[in-house]
Amino acid sequence: EAQDDGSYVVTVTYEQMQVFKTTLDTYMAKTEALVAEWSEAYMAGEEVASEDELMNEVIGMFGTVFADAVANATYAEPQTTTVRIEKVENSYQPNTEDLTNLEYLMFDIDAFN
């Protein structure tokens, strides 16, 4: 939709990708299971990996869990938002704040709260 100042407002339809909540839930469950396994081994007098090795395993597991969540992502129902398209030095550009907002809307960022 054209605006009086020469800019445009465009309606964008998006479906929020649901990956972060799934990643965090799965990661926490796997981490808890891994810590329990290590604790049991330690209490039984078994040799346990070094702290660095344990950390590397936990960090690597996050990457694997996240990759699985992305590969099996689900999407929310379609929603809409608007993005302003502004003329800057003879070319049109999307408004930076609107793009940042759209990025947040496209993913389940609220899972980190």
N, C-alpha and C. Protein backbone atom coordinates (compact mmCIF):
# COMPACT_ATOMS: atom_id res chain seq x y z
N GLU A 1 0.85 -1.17 0.00
CA GLU A 1 0.00 0.00 0.00
C GLU A 1 0.90 1.24 0.00
N ALA A 2 0.71 2.09 -0.98
CA ALA A 2 1.50 3.32 -1.10
C ALA A 2 1.16 4.31 0.01
N GLN A 3 2.18 4.97 0.52
CA GLN A 3 2.02 5.97 1.56
C GLN A 3 2.26 7.36 0.97
N ASP A 4 1.79 8.38 1.65
CA ASP A 4 1.93 9.76 1.18
C ASP A 4 3.39 10.19 1.03
N ASP A 5 4.29 9.61 1.82
CA ASP A 5 5.70 10.00 1.76
C ASP A 5 6.50 9.24 0.71
N GLY A 6 5.84 8.44 -0.11
CA GLY A 6 6.51 7.69 -1.17
C GLY A 6 6.95 6.29 -0.75
N SER A 7 6.75 5.96 0.51
CA SER A 7 7.09 4.62 0.98
C SER A 7 5.89 3.70 0.77
N TYR A 8 6.09 2.43 1.09
CA TYR A 8 5.02 1.45 0.95
C TYR A 8 4.93 0.64 2.24
N VAL A 9 3.75 0.14 2.51
CA VAL A 9 3.55 -0.80 3.60
C VAL A 9 3.07 -2.10 2.95
N VAL A 10 3.84 -3.17 3.21
CA VAL A 10 3.55 -4.47 2.60
C VAL A 10 3.11 -5.44 3.69
N THR A 11 2.04 -6.15 3.42
CA THR A 11 1.59 -7.17 4.35
C THR A 11 2.31 -8.48 4.02
N VAL A 12 2.91 -9.07 5.03
CA VAL A 12 3.67 -10.31 4.87
C VAL A 12 2.97 -11.40 5.66
N THR A 13 2.73 -12.53 5.01
CA THR A 13 2.17 -13.69 5.69
C THR A 13 3.31 -14.65 6.01
N TYR A 14 3.35 -15.13 7.23
CA TYR A 14 4.41 -16.04 7.66
C TYR A 14 3.83 -17.14 8.52
N GLU A 15 4.56 -18.23 8.62
CA GLU A 15 4.22 -19.33 9.52
C GLU A 15 5.42 -19.51 10.45
N GLN A 16 5.20 -19.30 11.73
CA GLN A 16 6.30 -19.37 12.69
C GLN A 16 6.87 -20.79 12.76
N MET A 17 8.18 -20.90 12.58
CA MET A 17 8.87 -22.18 12.66
C MET A 17 9.06 -22.54 14.13
N GLN A 18 8.58 -23.70 14.51
CA GLN A 18 8.64 -24.15 15.90
C GLN A 18 9.85 -25.07 16.09
N VAL A 19 11.02 -24.48 16.38
CA VAL A 19 12.23 -25.29 16.56
C VAL A 19 12.89 -25.10 17.92
N PHE A 20 12.81 -23.93 18.50
CA PHE A 20 13.56 -23.67 19.72
C PHE A 20 12.98 -24.36 20.94
N LYS A 21 11.66 -24.36 21.09
CA LYS A 21 11.06 -25.04 22.24
C LYS A 21 11.36 -26.53 22.17
N THR A 22 11.19 -27.12 21.00
CA THR A 22 11.50 -28.54 20.82
C THR A 22 12.96 -28.81 21.14
N THR A 23 13.85 -27.95 20.63
CA THR A 23 15.28 -28.12 20.88
C THR A 23 15.58 -28.05 22.37
N LEU A 24 15.08 -27.02 23.04
CA LEU A 24 15.38 -26.85 24.46
C LEU A 24 14.80 -27.99 25.30
N ASP A 25 13.56 -28.39 25.02
CA ASP A 25 12.94 -29.48 25.79
C ASP A 25 13.72 -30.78 25.61
N THR A 26 14.05 -31.11 24.38
CA THR A 26 14.78 -32.35 24.09
C THR A 26 16.19 -32.29 24.68
N TYR A 27 16.85 -31.15 24.51
CA TYR A 27 18.21 -30.99 25.02
C TYR A 27 18.25 -31.13 26.54
N MET A 28 17.31 -30.50 27.23
CA MET A 28 17.28 -30.59 28.69
C MET A 28 17.04 -32.03 29.15
N ALA A 29 16.13 -32.72 28.49
CA ALA A 29 15.84 -34.11 28.86
C ALA A 29 17.07 -35.00 28.62
N LYS A 30 17.73 -34.81 27.49
CA LYS A 30 18.91 -35.62 27.19
C LYS A 30 20.06 -35.28 28.12
N THR A 31 20.21 -34.01 28.44
CA THR A 31 21.28 -33.60 29.35
C THR A 31 21.05 -34.19 30.74
N GLU A 32 19.82 -34.13 31.22
CA GLU A 32 19.51 -34.70 32.53
C GLU A 32 19.79 -36.20 32.56
N ALA A 33 19.43 -36.89 31.49
CA ALA A 33 19.69 -38.34 31.41
C ALA A 33 21.19 -38.62 31.38
N LEU A 34 21.93 -37.80 30.67
CA LEU A 34 23.37 -37.97 30.57
C LEU A 34 24.04 -37.72 31.92
N VAL A 35 23.63 -36.68 32.61
CA VAL A 35 24.19 -36.37 33.94
C VAL A 35 23.87 -37.51 34.91
N ALA A 36 22.68 -38.04 34.85
CA ALA A 36 22.30 -39.16 35.73
C ALA A 36 23.18 -40.37 35.42
N GLU A 37 23.41 -40.62 34.15
CA GLU A 37 24.27 -41.74 33.73
C GLU A 37 25.70 -41.56 34.26
N TRP A 38 26.23 -40.34 34.12
CA TRP A 38 27.59 -40.06 34.60
C TRP A 38 27.66 -40.19 36.12
N SER A 39 26.65 -39.70 36.81
CA SER A 39 26.61 -39.77 38.27
C SER A 39 26.59 -41.22 38.75
N GLU A 40 25.76 -42.03 38.11
CA GLU A 40 25.69 -43.45 38.47
C GLU A 40 27.03 -44.13 38.25
N ALA A 41 27.67 -43.84 37.13
CA ALA A 41 28.97 -44.43 36.84
C ALA A 41 30.00 -43.99 37.89
N TYR A 42 29.99 -42.73 38.24
CA TYR A 42 30.93 -42.19 39.23
C TYR A 42 30.69 -42.84 40.60
N MET A 43 29.43 -42.93 40.99
CA MET A 43 29.08 -43.51 42.30
C MET A 43 29.42 -45.01 42.35
N ALA A 44 29.40 -45.67 41.20
CA ALA A 44 29.73 -47.09 41.14
C ALA A 44 31.24 -47.31 41.05
N GLY A 45 31.99 -46.21 41.07
CA GLY A 45 33.45 -46.32 41.02
C GLY A 45 34.01 -46.52 39.63
N GLU A 46 33.18 -46.34 38.63
CA GLU A 46 33.65 -46.50 37.25
C GLU A 46 34.40 -45.24 36.82
N GLU A 47 35.23 -45.42 35.84
CA GLU A 47 35.98 -44.27 35.32
C GLU A 47 35.03 -43.39 34.50
N VAL A 48 35.12 -42.10 34.76
CA VAL A 48 34.28 -41.12 34.06
C VAL A 48 35.19 -40.23 33.23
N ALA A 49 34.70 -39.81 32.09
CA ALA A 49 35.49 -38.95 31.20
C ALA A 49 35.88 -37.66 31.91
N SER A 50 36.87 -36.97 31.35
CA SER A 50 37.31 -35.70 31.92
C SER A 50 36.22 -34.65 31.76
N GLU A 51 36.36 -33.57 32.52
CA GLU A 51 35.37 -32.49 32.44
C GLU A 51 35.29 -31.92 31.02
N ASP A 52 36.44 -31.77 30.37
CA ASP A 52 36.45 -31.27 28.98
C ASP A 52 35.71 -32.21 28.04
N GLU A 53 35.93 -33.50 28.21
CA GLU A 53 35.25 -34.48 27.36
C GLU A 53 33.74 -34.46 27.60
N LEU A 54 33.37 -34.33 28.87
CA LEU A 54 31.95 -34.27 29.20
C LEU A 54 31.31 -33.02 28.61
N MET A 55 32.00 -31.88 28.71
CA MET A 55 31.48 -30.62 28.15
C MET A 55 31.34 -30.73 26.63
N ASN A 56 32.34 -31.30 25.98
CA ASN A 56 32.28 -31.46 24.53
C ASN A 56 31.10 -32.32 24.12
N GLU A 57 30.83 -33.34 24.90
CA GLU A 57 29.69 -34.21 24.60
C GLU A 57 28.36 -33.45 24.74
N VAL A 58 28.24 -32.66 25.80
CA VAL A 58 27.02 -31.89 26.04
C VAL A 58 26.83 -30.84 24.94
N ILE A 59 27.89 -30.14 24.58
CA ILE A 59 27.81 -29.11 23.54
C ILE A 59 27.50 -29.74 22.18
N GLY A 60 28.16 -30.84 21.87
CA GLY A 60 27.89 -31.53 20.60
C GLY A 60 26.47 -32.03 20.52
N MET A 61 25.94 -32.46 21.66
CA MET A 61 24.57 -32.95 21.70
C MET A 61 23.59 -31.84 21.33
N PHE A 62 23.88 -30.61 21.76
CA PHE A 62 22.99 -29.49 21.42
C PHE A 62 22.90 -29.34 19.89
N GLY A 63 24.03 -29.40 19.21
CA GLY A 63 24.04 -29.28 17.76
C GLY A 63 23.21 -30.36 17.10
N THR A 64 23.34 -31.57 17.58
CA THR A 64 22.58 -32.69 17.03
C THR A 64 21.09 -32.52 17.27
N VAL A 65 20.73 -32.12 18.49
CA VAL A 65 19.32 -31.92 18.84
C VAL A 65 18.72 -30.80 17.99
N PHE A 66 19.48 -29.70 17.84
CA PHE A 66 18.98 -28.58 17.04
C PHE A 66 18.81 -28.98 15.58
N ALA A 67 19.77 -29.70 15.02
CA ALA A 67 19.67 -30.15 13.62
C ALA A 67 18.44 -31.04 13.44
N ASP A 68 18.18 -31.92 14.40
CA ASP A 68 16.99 -32.78 14.32
C ASP A 68 15.71 -31.95 14.38
N ALA A 69 15.70 -30.94 15.25
CA ALA A 69 14.51 -30.08 15.37
C ALA A 69 14.24 -29.33 14.08
N VAL A 70 15.30 -28.84 13.44
CA VAL A 70 15.14 -28.12 12.16
C VAL A 70 14.65 -29.08 11.08
N ALA A 71 15.23 -30.27 11.03
CA ALA A 71 14.84 -31.25 10.01
C ALA A 71 13.38 -31.69 10.16
N ASN A 72 12.88 -31.65 11.39
CA ASN A 72 11.51 -32.09 11.65
C ASN A 72 10.62 -30.96 12.15
N ALA A 73 10.93 -29.76 11.73
CA ALA A 73 10.22 -28.57 12.22
C ALA A 73 8.73 -28.62 11.90
N THR A 74 7.98 -28.06 12.82
CA THR A 74 6.57 -27.85 12.59
C THR A 74 6.35 -26.34 12.51
N TYR A 75 5.20 -25.95 12.00
CA TYR A 75 4.92 -24.54 11.79
C TYR A 75 3.57 -24.17 12.38
N ALA A 76 3.51 -22.97 12.94
CA ALA A 76 2.26 -22.45 13.49
C ALA A 76 1.33 -22.05 12.34
N GLU A 77 0.13 -21.71 12.69
CA GLU A 77 -0.84 -21.25 11.69
C GLU A 77 -0.34 -19.94 11.07
N PRO A 78 -0.68 -19.70 9.82
CA PRO A 78 -0.24 -18.46 9.16
C PRO A 78 -0.75 -17.22 9.90
N GLN A 79 0.13 -16.24 9.98
CA GLN A 79 -0.20 -14.95 10.58
C GLN A 79 0.33 -13.86 9.65
N THR A 80 -0.06 -12.63 9.91
CA THR A 80 0.42 -11.53 9.07
C THR A 80 1.05 -10.43 9.92
N THR A 81 1.94 -9.71 9.29
CA THR A 81 2.53 -8.51 9.87
C THR A 81 2.81 -7.56 8.71
N THR A 82 3.20 -6.37 9.01
CA THR A 82 3.52 -5.42 7.94
C THR A 82 4.98 -5.04 7.98
N VAL A 83 5.51 -4.74 6.81
CA VAL A 83 6.88 -4.27 6.65
C VAL A 83 6.83 -3.00 5.81
N ARG A 84 7.47 -1.97 6.33
CA ARG A 84 7.55 -0.72 5.58
C ARG A 84 8.69 -0.80 4.58
N ILE A 85 8.43 -0.36 3.36
CA ILE A 85 9.44 -0.29 2.31
C ILE A 85 9.69 1.20 2.06
N GLU A 86 10.92 1.62 2.33
CA GLU A 86 11.25 3.04 2.29
C GLU A 86 12.23 3.35 1.16
N LYS A 87 12.07 4.52 0.59
CA LYS A 87 12.99 4.95 -0.46
C LYS A 87 14.19 5.62 0.20
N VAL A 88 15.37 5.06 -0.06
CA VAL A 88 16.62 5.59 0.49
C VAL A 88 17.60 5.75 -0.67
N GLU A 89 17.95 7.00 -0.95
CA GLU A 89 18.90 7.31 -2.03
C GLU A 89 18.54 6.60 -3.35
N ASN A 90 17.36 6.81 -3.81
CA ASN A 90 16.90 6.30 -5.10
C ASN A 90 16.74 4.79 -5.18
N SER A 91 16.68 4.12 -4.04
CA SER A 91 16.37 2.69 -4.06
C SER A 91 15.44 2.39 -2.88
N TYR A 92 14.68 1.35 -3.02
CA TYR A 92 13.73 0.97 -1.97
C TYR A 92 14.35 -0.11 -1.09
N GLN A 93 14.15 0.06 0.22
CA GLN A 93 14.70 -0.88 1.19
C GLN A 93 13.66 -1.16 2.26
N PRO A 94 13.64 -2.40 2.75
CA PRO A 94 12.74 -2.68 3.88
C PRO A 94 13.25 -1.98 5.13
N ASN A 95 12.35 -1.53 5.95
CA ASN A 95 12.69 -0.88 7.21
C ASN A 95 13.41 -1.88 8.11
N THR A 96 14.55 -1.49 8.66
CA THR A 96 15.38 -2.39 9.47
C THR A 96 14.64 -2.91 10.71
N GLU A 97 13.93 -2.03 11.40
CA GLU A 97 13.18 -2.45 12.59
C GLU A 97 12.09 -3.45 12.22
N ASP A 98 11.43 -3.22 11.10
CA ASP A 98 10.38 -4.14 10.67
C ASP A 98 10.95 -5.51 10.32
N LEU A 99 12.13 -5.53 9.69
CA LEU A 99 12.77 -6.80 9.36
C LEU A 99 13.18 -7.56 10.62
N THR A 100 13.72 -6.83 11.59
CA THR A 100 14.10 -7.47 12.86
C THR A 100 12.86 -8.06 13.53
N ASN A 101 11.78 -7.31 13.54
CA ASN A 101 10.53 -7.81 14.10
C ASN A 101 10.07 -9.07 13.37
N LEU A 102 10.15 -9.06 12.05
CA LEU A 102 9.74 -10.22 11.26
C LEU A 102 10.59 -11.44 11.61
N GLU A 103 11.89 -11.23 11.77
CA GLU A 103 12.78 -12.34 12.15
C GLU A 103 12.33 -12.96 13.47
N TYR A 104 11.99 -12.13 14.44
CA TYR A 104 11.52 -12.65 15.73
C TYR A 104 10.19 -13.38 15.58
N LEU A 105 9.34 -12.88 14.73
CA LEU A 105 8.03 -13.50 14.53
C LEU A 105 8.13 -14.85 13.82
N MET A 106 9.14 -15.03 13.00
CA MET A 106 9.26 -16.24 12.18
C MET A 106 9.74 -17.46 12.96
N PHE A 107 10.27 -17.25 14.17
CA PHE A 107 10.78 -18.35 14.98
C PHE A 107 10.22 -18.25 16.39
N ASP A 108 10.14 -19.37 17.08
CA ASP A 108 9.59 -19.41 18.43
C ASP A 108 10.64 -18.95 19.47
N ILE A 109 11.09 -17.72 19.30
CA ILE A 109 12.11 -17.13 20.16
C ILE A 109 11.66 -17.09 21.62
N ASP A 110 10.36 -16.97 21.85
CA ASP A 110 9.86 -16.89 23.22
C ASP A 110 10.17 -18.15 24.03
N ALA A 111 10.62 -19.20 23.39
CA ALA A 111 11.01 -20.42 24.11
C ALA A 111 12.18 -20.16 25.05
N PHE A 112 12.94 -19.10 24.80
CA PHE A 112 14.09 -18.80 25.65
C PHE A 112 13.72 -18.01 26.90
N ASN A 113 12.46 -17.59 27.01
CA ASN A 113 12.03 -16.83 28.19
C ASN A 113 11.63 -17.74 29.31
